[in-house]
Amino acid sequence: MNNSTILSIVTFVYGFAALLYVISWIFNKELPGKIATWVTIAGATGNAGGIILRWVESYQQGMGHAPLSNKYESLVFFAFAIAVCYLIMEFKYKNRLFGVFALPLSLLAIAYASLPVITDQLQPHVSGTIKQQLDAMSAWSNVNYNIQPLIPALKSNWLITHVVTCFIGYAGFAIAFGTSLMYVLKAKESKSHFFIFFSIGTAAGIIIWNLGLLQIFNKVYIDIGFWSIIIYLMVIIIISFVCLQLRKIIGTYAVSFIGTGILIGCTWWGLAIKVHFDFSFHVVLIFIICFCAAYLFDFLVDYILPFVHFPEFDMLDELTHQLVMFGFLFLTIGIITGSVWANTAWGRYWGWDNKEIWSLITWLIYAALLHVRISRGWSGIETAILSIIGFTAVIFTYFGVNYLPGLHSYG
């Protein structure tokens, strides 16, 4: 049994743990939560074992490097870091409800990494349309799970320090994202802030959806450019805040419908002009899905899910603050070690590469969160919103930047 098989099994272990945490929360039962804790420990142990085995296998194949050099390996470590950070938090605070949001993040990370492994294992047993769909899924993930020799830029002793510190920081931000979501869902005023989450999430989904489809199925590469992205994000924020004000006049659903339509229309128009491609079907599909999601979210918040069982507001707020400080510390160390590494590899500490720019943007968002909390006394829903926006930047720094040209395109 090789490392990829073990890590594929860990995917299902994390999935089972996440399901048990959700069952424990919804039905307010302690036993599924206790089982989920032990399942999570087993998953983290298997995750660590898979990482160690992959390290050993790299030496057996004559490459001999830490398993932190590509997207597959970094996602596997990210899932492990989230699980370990969550377990430490659970044992410290004696509250398993945090697992409702933490474990799904570990699951998503390792499931994305393991998708090509699972599809390759299924390939010999299927044919026809199903085989084509598996090929498309494997291509979409753009993850290579094979152990590969290091490219020259990665042959450095700084590899482990830089990647480990960055992803420990990302894990802290991921769990802070979970506690922030818990705060927003529990807070009565969350509905008045709903559209800003909805619109930013919609925009991110549209960008990833369209760019992914173009690159995989149409072989169209898009160099969007840094300032185009900044302007687009500013447009998103402006539309969101205008819609928040209009909500008081024409209602949540009407403003969601109008604002989402404008947002998606701008995306479609900009990309269609840039690559001369017809996005009509994708625009309509995403619009319908997102607007239905708005209704579903509203219904779940009001009638179904027991958000009242979440921890108290003060605890969630303080936990978010502590987790952001933890993540910020490690991200800062990661950026510093990355700069030293860049000077060794390319002869400069900072080169305004896309990954470097978005790492700086992420760092500034979390720095702003800590600053306004300390100097302006911001807390509660405001810092929860900034934490969610910050994690959105983390996701784009890791995934979205890979669609842009740069020196970090291998990761």
Protein backbone atom coordinates (compact mmCIF):
# COMPACT_ATOMS: atom_id res chain seq x y z
CA MET A 1 0.00 0.00 0.00
CA ASN A 2 1.55 3.31 -1.08
CA ASN A 3 1.10 6.80 0.33
CA SER A 4 -1.54 7.86 -2.21
CA THR A 5 -3.80 4.92 -1.27
CA ILE A 6 -3.47 5.69 2.43
CA LEU A 7 -4.28 9.35 1.87
CA SER A 8 -7.29 8.40 -0.28
CA ILE A 9 -8.59 6.33 2.64
CA VAL A 10 -7.99 9.29 4.96
CA THR A 11 -10.32 11.31 2.73
CA PHE A 12 -13.22 9.02 3.63
CA VAL A 13 -12.20 9.01 7.30
CA TYR A 14 -12.38 12.81 7.41
CA GLY A 15 -15.70 12.66 5.58
CA PHE A 16 -17.11 10.25 8.17
CA ALA A 17 -15.85 12.44 11.02
CA ALA A 18 -17.41 15.56 9.46
CA LEU A 19 -20.74 13.71 9.09
CA LEU A 20 -20.66 12.62 12.74
CA TYR A 21 -19.97 16.17 13.91
CA VAL A 22 -22.93 17.46 11.89
CA ILE A 23 -25.21 14.70 13.27
CA SER A 24 -24.08 15.52 16.80
CA TRP A 25 -24.87 19.19 16.23
CA ILE A 26 -28.25 18.84 14.51
CA PHE A 27 -29.66 16.21 16.90
CA ASN A 28 -27.83 17.61 19.96
CA LYS A 29 -26.42 14.17 20.86
CA GLU A 30 -23.08 13.65 22.60
CA LEU A 31 -22.25 10.12 21.44
CA PRO A 32 -21.77 10.92 17.70
CA GLY A 33 -19.50 13.79 18.74
CA LYS A 34 -17.33 11.52 20.90
CA ILE A 35 -17.02 9.02 18.06
CA ALA A 36 -16.21 11.89 15.66
CA THR A 37 -13.31 12.97 17.87
CA TRP A 38 -11.72 9.51 17.76
CA VAL A 39 -12.37 9.22 14.04
CA THR A 40 -10.67 12.60 13.54
CA ILE A 41 -7.66 11.44 15.58
CA ALA A 42 -7.50 8.31 13.40
CA GLY A 43 -7.73 10.46 10.26
CA ALA A 44 -4.97 12.83 11.41
CA THR A 45 -2.79 9.84 12.32
CA GLY A 46 -3.33 8.31 8.88
CA ASN A 47 -2.69 11.69 7.30
CA ALA A 48 0.62 12.01 9.14
CA GLY A 49 1.50 8.42 8.22
CA GLY A 50 0.80 9.13 4.54
CA ILE A 51 3.05 12.19 4.61
CA ILE A 52 5.89 10.28 6.30
CA LEU A 53 5.52 7.32 3.91
CA ARG A 54 5.61 9.68 0.91
CA TRP A 55 8.82 11.21 2.29
CA VAL A 56 10.36 7.71 2.61
CA GLU A 57 9.21 6.75 -0.90
CA SER A 58 10.83 9.87 -2.34
CA TYR A 59 14.19 8.67 -0.98
CA GLN A 60 13.55 5.16 -2.29
CA GLN A 61 12.99 6.65 -5.75
CA GLY A 62 16.25 8.60 -5.54
CA MET A 63 14.68 12.07 -5.17
CA GLY A 64 14.85 12.52 -1.40
CA HIS A 65 12.86 15.63 -0.54
CA ALA A 66 10.15 16.67 1.90
CA PRO A 67 6.62 16.08 0.55
CA LEU A 68 5.79 19.79 0.34
CA SER A 69 6.76 20.65 -3.21
CA ASN A 70 3.56 20.68 -5.28
CA LYS A 71 -0.20 21.18 -5.06
CA TYR A 72 -0.98 17.59 -4.05
CA GLU A 73 1.54 17.53 -1.22
CA SER A 74 0.66 20.98 0.08
CA LEU A 75 -3.07 20.16 0.11
CA VAL A 76 -2.40 16.97 2.05
CA PHE A 77 -0.36 18.90 4.61
CA PHE A 78 -3.04 21.65 4.75
CA ALA A 79 -5.70 19.04 5.61
CA PHE A 80 -3.42 17.62 8.32
CA ALA A 81 -2.69 21.06 9.79
CA ILE A 82 -6.41 21.95 10.00
CA ALA A 83 -7.24 18.63 11.68
CA VAL A 84 -4.45 18.97 14.25
CA CYS A 85 -5.24 22.62 15.03
CA TYR A 86 -8.90 21.72 15.44
CA LEU A 87 -8.15 18.80 17.78
CA ILE A 88 -5.99 21.04 19.97
CA MET A 89 -8.84 23.57 20.11
CA GLU A 90 -11.41 20.88 20.92
CA PHE A 91 -9.37 19.48 23.79
CA LYS A 92 -8.69 22.97 25.14
CA TYR A 93 -12.26 24.29 25.01
CA LYS A 94 -14.16 20.99 25.42
CA ASN A 95 -16.54 21.90 22.61
CA ARG A 96 -17.09 19.69 19.57
CA LEU A 97 -19.32 22.09 17.64
CA PHE A 98 -16.27 23.67 16.03
CA GLY A 99 -15.77 20.39 14.17
CA VAL A 100 -18.93 21.10 12.18
CA PHE A 101 -16.95 23.66 10.17
CA ALA A 102 -13.32 22.60 10.71
CA LEU A 103 -13.51 18.98 9.53
CA PRO A 104 -15.31 19.77 6.25
CA LEU A 105 -12.38 22.07 5.40
CA SER A 106 -9.90 19.23 6.00
CA LEU A 107 -12.14 16.98 3.94
CA LEU A 108 -12.33 19.43 1.03
CA ALA A 109 -8.55 19.93 0.98
CA ILE A 110 -7.61 16.26 0.94
CA ALA A 111 -10.55 15.26 -1.29
CA TYR A 112 -9.43 17.78 -3.91
CA ALA A 113 -5.89 16.39 -3.69
CA SER A 114 -7.07 12.77 -3.86
CA LEU A 115 -9.49 13.23 -6.75
CA PRO A 116 -6.99 12.08 -9.46
CA VAL A 117 -5.97 9.10 -7.28
CA ILE A 118 -9.57 7.94 -6.87
CA THR A 119 -10.42 8.49 -10.55
CA ASP A 120 -7.31 6.55 -11.65
CA GLN A 121 -8.28 3.66 -9.39
CA LEU A 122 -11.79 3.61 -10.90
CA GLN A 123 -10.64 3.88 -14.53
CA PRO A 124 -10.05 0.13 -15.15
CA HIS A 125 -13.57 -0.68 -13.94
CA VAL A 126 -15.58 1.75 -16.10
CA SER A 127 -15.96 2.68 -19.75
CA GLY A 128 -17.78 5.00 -22.12
CA THR A 129 -19.32 8.19 -20.78
CA ILE A 130 -18.37 7.48 -17.17
CA LYS A 131 -14.72 7.06 -18.16
CA GLN A 132 -14.81 10.38 -20.04
CA GLN A 133 -16.32 12.10 -17.00
CA LEU A 134 -13.60 10.68 -14.76
CA ASP A 135 -10.96 11.95 -17.20
CA ALA A 136 -12.57 15.39 -17.13
CA MET A 137 -12.66 15.43 -13.32
CA SER A 138 -9.02 14.43 -13.11
CA ALA A 139 -8.05 17.13 -15.62
CA TRP A 140 -10.16 19.72 -13.79
CA SER A 141 -8.38 19.09 -10.49
CA ASN A 142 -5.01 19.77 -12.15
CA VAL A 143 -3.27 17.78 -9.40
CA ASN A 144 -0.37 15.41 -10.02
CA TYR A 145 -0.03 12.92 -7.17
CA ASN A 146 3.17 11.29 -8.47
CA ILE A 147 6.41 11.95 -6.62
CA GLN A 148 8.50 14.23 -8.82
CA PRO A 149 12.06 15.59 -8.66
CA LEU A 150 12.38 19.12 -7.36
CA ILE A 151 12.71 21.95 -9.84
CA PRO A 152 15.87 24.06 -9.25
CA ALA A 153 13.98 26.84 -7.42
CA LEU A 154 12.74 24.35 -4.80
CA LYS A 155 16.11 22.81 -4.04
CA SER A 156 16.65 24.71 -0.83
CA ASN A 157 16.73 24.09 2.90
CA TRP A 158 14.11 26.82 3.20
CA LEU A 159 11.47 24.61 1.57
CA ILE A 160 10.23 22.97 4.77
CA THR A 161 10.34 26.14 6.89
CA HIS A 162 8.53 28.30 4.35
CA VAL A 163 5.79 25.86 3.37
CA VAL A 164 5.12 24.54 6.89
CA THR A 165 4.82 28.00 8.45
CA CYS A 166 2.57 29.27 5.65
CA PHE A 167 0.20 26.33 5.88
CA ILE A 168 0.06 26.35 9.66
CA GLY A 169 -0.97 29.98 9.29
CA TYR A 170 -3.54 29.02 6.65
CA ALA A 171 -4.91 26.36 9.02
CA GLY A 172 -5.39 28.98 11.72
CA PHE A 173 -7.20 31.23 9.25
CA ALA A 174 -9.34 28.29 8.08
CA ILE A 175 -10.61 27.55 11.59
CA ALA A 176 -11.08 31.29 12.21
CA PHE A 177 -13.21 31.27 9.07
CA GLY A 178 -15.30 28.50 10.66
CA THR A 179 -15.78 30.36 13.95
CA SER A 180 -16.63 33.53 12.02
CA LEU A 181 -19.29 31.67 10.04
CA MET A 182 -20.69 30.36 13.32
CA TYR A 183 -20.89 33.91 14.65
CA VAL A 184 -22.60 35.22 11.52
CA LEU A 185 -25.11 32.37 11.42
CA LYS A 186 -25.92 32.75 15.10
CA ALA A 187 -26.21 36.54 15.01
CA LYS A 188 -29.62 38.05 14.34
CA GLU A 189 -28.06 40.85 12.35
CA SER A 190 -26.43 38.37 9.95
CA LYS A 191 -29.22 38.84 7.43
CA SER A 192 -28.38 42.51 7.03
CA HIS A 193 -24.85 41.47 6.05
CA PHE A 194 -25.90 38.49 3.95
CA PHE A 195 -25.47 39.99 0.54
CA ILE A 196 -21.81 40.92 0.94
CA PHE A 197 -20.95 37.25 1.60
CA PHE A 198 -23.25 36.12 -1.15
CA SER A 199 -21.90 38.50 -3.78
CA ILE A 200 -18.21 37.97 -3.01
CA GLY A 201 -18.70 34.19 -2.94
CA THR A 202 -20.63 34.38 -6.21
CA ALA A 203 -17.89 36.40 -7.87
CA ALA A 204 -15.19 33.98 -6.72
CA GLY A 205 -17.24 31.06 -7.97
CA ILE A 206 -17.78 32.71 -11.34
CA ILE A 207 -14.08 33.45 -11.80
CA ILE A 208 -12.98 29.92 -10.88
CA TRP A 209 -15.82 28.31 -12.87
CA ASN A 210 -15.20 30.19 -16.09
CA LEU A 211 -11.41 30.20 -15.97
CA GLY A 212 -11.37 26.50 -15.13
CA LEU A 213 -13.74 25.58 -17.95
CA LEU A 214 -11.82 27.68 -20.45
CA GLN A 215 -8.41 26.28 -19.58
CA ILE A 216 -9.48 22.63 -19.32
CA PHE A 217 -12.08 22.17 -22.02
CA ASN A 218 -11.33 24.99 -24.47
CA LYS A 219 -7.57 25.29 -23.95
CA VAL A 220 -7.90 29.07 -23.61
CA TYR A 221 -5.38 30.75 -21.32
CA ILE A 222 -6.38 34.08 -19.78
CA ASP A 223 -3.85 36.56 -18.45
CA ILE A 224 -6.22 38.74 -16.46
CA GLY A 225 -3.65 41.00 -14.87
CA PHE A 226 -3.25 42.16 -11.28
CA TRP A 227 -4.97 45.55 -11.55
CA SER A 228 -7.92 44.08 -13.44
CA ILE A 229 -8.55 41.77 -10.49
CA ILE A 230 -8.22 44.63 -7.98
CA ILE A 231 -10.69 46.77 -9.94
CA TYR A 232 -13.08 43.84 -10.22
CA LEU A 233 -12.95 43.20 -6.46
CA MET A 234 -13.62 46.90 -5.82
CA VAL A 235 -16.67 46.71 -8.08
CA ILE A 236 -17.88 43.68 -6.10
CA ILE A 237 -17.54 45.53 -2.79
CA ILE A 238 -19.25 48.68 -4.09
CA ILE A 239 -22.19 46.70 -5.50
CA SER A 240 -22.45 44.78 -2.22
CA PHE A 241 -22.61 47.87 -0.01
CA VAL A 242 -25.05 49.66 -2.31
CA CYS A 243 -27.28 46.60 -2.21
CA LEU A 244 -27.04 46.48 1.57
CA GLN A 245 -28.51 49.98 1.70
CA LEU A 246 -31.17 49.24 -0.93
CA ARG A 247 -32.21 46.16 1.03
CA LYS A 248 -34.00 48.38 3.54
CA ILE A 249 -36.11 49.80 0.72
CA ILE A 250 -36.88 46.93 -1.64
CA GLY A 251 -36.11 43.82 0.44
CA THR A 252 -33.45 41.13 0.60
CA TYR A 253 -34.64 38.92 -2.23
CA ALA A 254 -35.17 41.74 -4.71
CA VAL A 255 -31.78 43.27 -4.00
CA SER A 256 -30.09 39.85 -4.18
CA PHE A 257 -31.70 39.26 -7.57
CA ILE A 258 -30.70 42.66 -8.96
CA GLY A 259 -27.20 42.75 -7.44
CA THR A 260 -26.31 39.23 -8.46
CA GLY A 261 -27.54 39.90 -11.98
CA ILE A 262 -25.35 43.00 -12.27
CA LEU A 263 -22.35 41.16 -10.82
CA ILE A 264 -22.63 38.16 -13.10
CA GLY A 265 -23.37 40.39 -16.08
CA CYS A 266 -20.14 42.35 -15.48
CA THR A 267 -18.16 39.11 -15.23
CA TRP A 268 -19.68 37.72 -18.40
CA TRP A 269 -19.15 40.96 -20.30
CA GLY A 270 -15.52 41.35 -19.21
CA LEU A 271 -14.49 37.76 -19.95
CA ALA A 272 -16.45 37.59 -23.21
CA ILE A 273 -14.67 40.68 -24.52
CA LYS A 274 -11.25 39.44 -23.40
CA VAL A 275 -11.41 35.94 -24.90
CA HIS A 276 -14.28 36.24 -27.41
CA PHE A 277 -16.11 33.32 -25.84
CA ASP A 278 -19.84 32.84 -25.31
CA PHE A 279 -20.55 32.47 -21.59
CA SER A 280 -24.36 32.71 -21.91
CA PHE A 281 -25.10 29.20 -20.68
CA HIS A 282 -22.65 29.41 -17.79
CA VAL A 283 -23.99 32.82 -16.74
CA VAL A 284 -27.59 31.62 -16.62
CA LEU A 285 -26.64 28.42 -14.79
CA ILE A 286 -24.55 30.17 -12.14
CA PHE A 287 -27.21 32.84 -11.70
CA ILE A 288 -29.91 30.25 -11.05
CA ILE A 289 -27.73 28.21 -8.69
CA CYS A 290 -26.63 31.22 -6.66
CA PHE A 291 -30.08 32.74 -6.36
CA CYS A 292 -31.52 29.38 -5.27
CA ALA A 293 -28.69 29.16 -2.75
CA ALA A 294 -29.81 32.50 -1.31
CA TYR A 295 -33.30 31.17 -0.66
CA LEU A 296 -31.91 27.90 0.76
CA PHE A 297 -29.56 29.77 3.07
CA ASP A 298 -32.39 31.98 4.31
CA PHE A 299 -34.67 28.99 4.89
CA LEU A 300 -32.01 27.01 6.75
CA VAL A 301 -31.14 29.96 8.99
CA ASP A 302 -34.77 30.60 9.92
CA TYR A 303 -36.35 27.15 10.19
CA ILE A 304 -34.01 24.16 10.07
CA LEU A 305 -30.51 24.29 11.51
CA PRO A 306 -30.11 24.74 15.31
CA PHE A 307 -27.68 27.67 15.32
CA VAL A 308 -28.80 28.40 18.87
CA HIS A 309 -26.58 25.49 19.98
CA PHE A 310 -23.45 27.33 18.86
CA PRO A 311 -21.14 28.73 21.57
CA GLU A 312 -21.82 32.18 22.99
CA PHE A 313 -20.94 35.28 20.96
CA ASP A 314 -18.12 36.36 23.27
CA MET A 315 -16.44 32.96 23.00
CA LEU A 316 -16.74 32.88 19.20
CA ASP A 317 -15.43 36.44 18.92
CA GLU A 318 -12.45 35.77 21.18
CA LEU A 319 -11.64 32.50 19.44
CA THR A 320 -11.69 34.20 16.04
CA HIS A 321 -9.31 36.85 17.36
CA GLN A 322 -6.90 34.29 18.84
CA LEU A 323 -6.93 32.13 15.72
CA VAL A 324 -6.30 35.14 13.48
CA MET A 325 -3.36 36.19 15.66
CA PHE A 326 -2.01 32.63 15.49
CA GLY A 327 -2.39 32.48 11.71
CA PHE A 328 -1.00 35.99 11.25
CA LEU A 329 2.15 35.12 13.19
CA PHE A 330 2.88 32.05 11.07
CA LEU A 331 1.96 33.78 7.80
CA THR A 332 4.40 36.57 8.67
CA ILE A 333 7.15 34.04 9.33
CA GLY A 334 6.23 32.29 6.08
CA ILE A 335 6.51 35.50 4.05
CA ILE A 336 9.85 36.37 5.65
CA THR A 337 11.33 32.92 5.04
CA GLY A 338 9.93 33.02 1.51
CA SER A 339 11.71 36.32 0.88
CA VAL A 340 15.01 34.90 2.10
CA TRP A 341 14.44 31.84 -0.08
CA ALA A 342 13.61 34.03 -3.09
CA ASN A 343 16.89 35.88 -2.64
CA THR A 344 18.72 32.56 -2.66
CA ALA A 345 16.84 31.20 -5.69
CA TRP A 346 16.34 34.29 -7.86
CA GLY A 347 18.67 36.93 -6.44
CA ARG A 348 15.97 39.25 -5.02
CA TYR A 349 13.89 39.33 -1.85
CA TRP A 350 10.70 40.55 -3.50
CA GLY A 351 9.77 40.52 -7.18
CA TRP A 352 6.04 41.38 -7.25
CA ASP A 353 5.17 37.92 -8.52
CA ASN A 354 1.41 37.24 -8.42
CA LYS A 355 1.73 34.84 -5.48
CA GLU A 356 3.83 37.38 -3.59
CA ILE A 357 1.32 40.15 -4.29
CA TRP A 358 -1.64 38.12 -3.09
CA SER A 359 0.25 36.90 -0.03
CA LEU A 360 0.83 40.56 0.80
CA ILE A 361 -2.87 41.36 0.22
CA THR A 362 -3.87 38.51 2.54
CA TRP A 363 -1.39 39.71 5.16
CA LEU A 364 -2.74 43.27 4.93
CA ILE A 365 -6.36 42.12 5.34
CA TYR A 366 -5.56 40.26 8.54
CA ALA A 367 -3.30 43.09 9.73
CA ALA A 368 -6.23 45.47 9.23
CA LEU A 369 -8.49 43.12 11.20
CA LEU A 370 -6.10 43.08 14.15
CA HIS A 371 -5.52 46.84 13.90
CA VAL A 372 -9.18 47.88 13.95
CA ARG A 373 -9.90 45.48 16.79
CA ILE A 374 -7.13 46.93 18.95
CA SER A 375 -7.30 50.61 17.97
CA ARG A 376 -10.99 51.03 17.10
CA GLY A 377 -12.50 48.41 19.34
CA TRP A 378 -14.13 46.48 16.50
CA SER A 379 -15.55 43.12 17.53
CA GLY A 380 -18.36 40.74 16.77
CA ILE A 381 -19.92 40.86 13.33
CA GLU A 382 -17.38 43.35 11.93
CA THR A 383 -14.34 41.20 12.67
CA ALA A 384 -16.23 38.07 11.60
CA ILE A 385 -16.84 39.68 8.20
CA LEU A 386 -13.17 40.66 7.85
CA SER A 387 -12.11 37.14 8.84
CA ILE A 388 -14.32 35.63 6.12
CA ILE A 389 -13.00 38.11 3.54
CA GLY A 390 -9.45 37.28 4.65
CA PHE A 391 -9.96 33.56 4.15
CA THR A 392 -11.39 34.27 0.70
CA ALA A 393 -8.07 36.00 -0.05
CA VAL A 394 -6.21 32.95 1.31
CA ILE A 395 -8.10 30.67 -1.07
CA PHE A 396 -7.38 32.93 -4.03
CA THR A 397 -3.72 33.20 -3.02
CA TYR A 398 -3.44 29.43 -3.09
CA PHE A 399 -5.75 28.40 -5.95
CA GLY A 400 -6.63 31.47 -8.02
CA VAL A 401 -3.08 32.69 -8.52
CA ASN A 402 -2.24 29.40 -10.28
CA TYR A 403 -4.36 30.63 -13.19
CA LEU A 404 -2.08 33.64 -13.53
CA PRO A 405 1.49 33.59 -14.89
CA GLY A 406 4.27 33.68 -12.35
CA LEU A 407 7.19 31.97 -10.67
CA HIS A 408 4.89 30.12 -8.24
CA SER A 409 2.80 28.40 -10.92
CA TYR A 410 4.20 25.01 -9.87
CA GLY A 411 2.41 25.28 -6.47
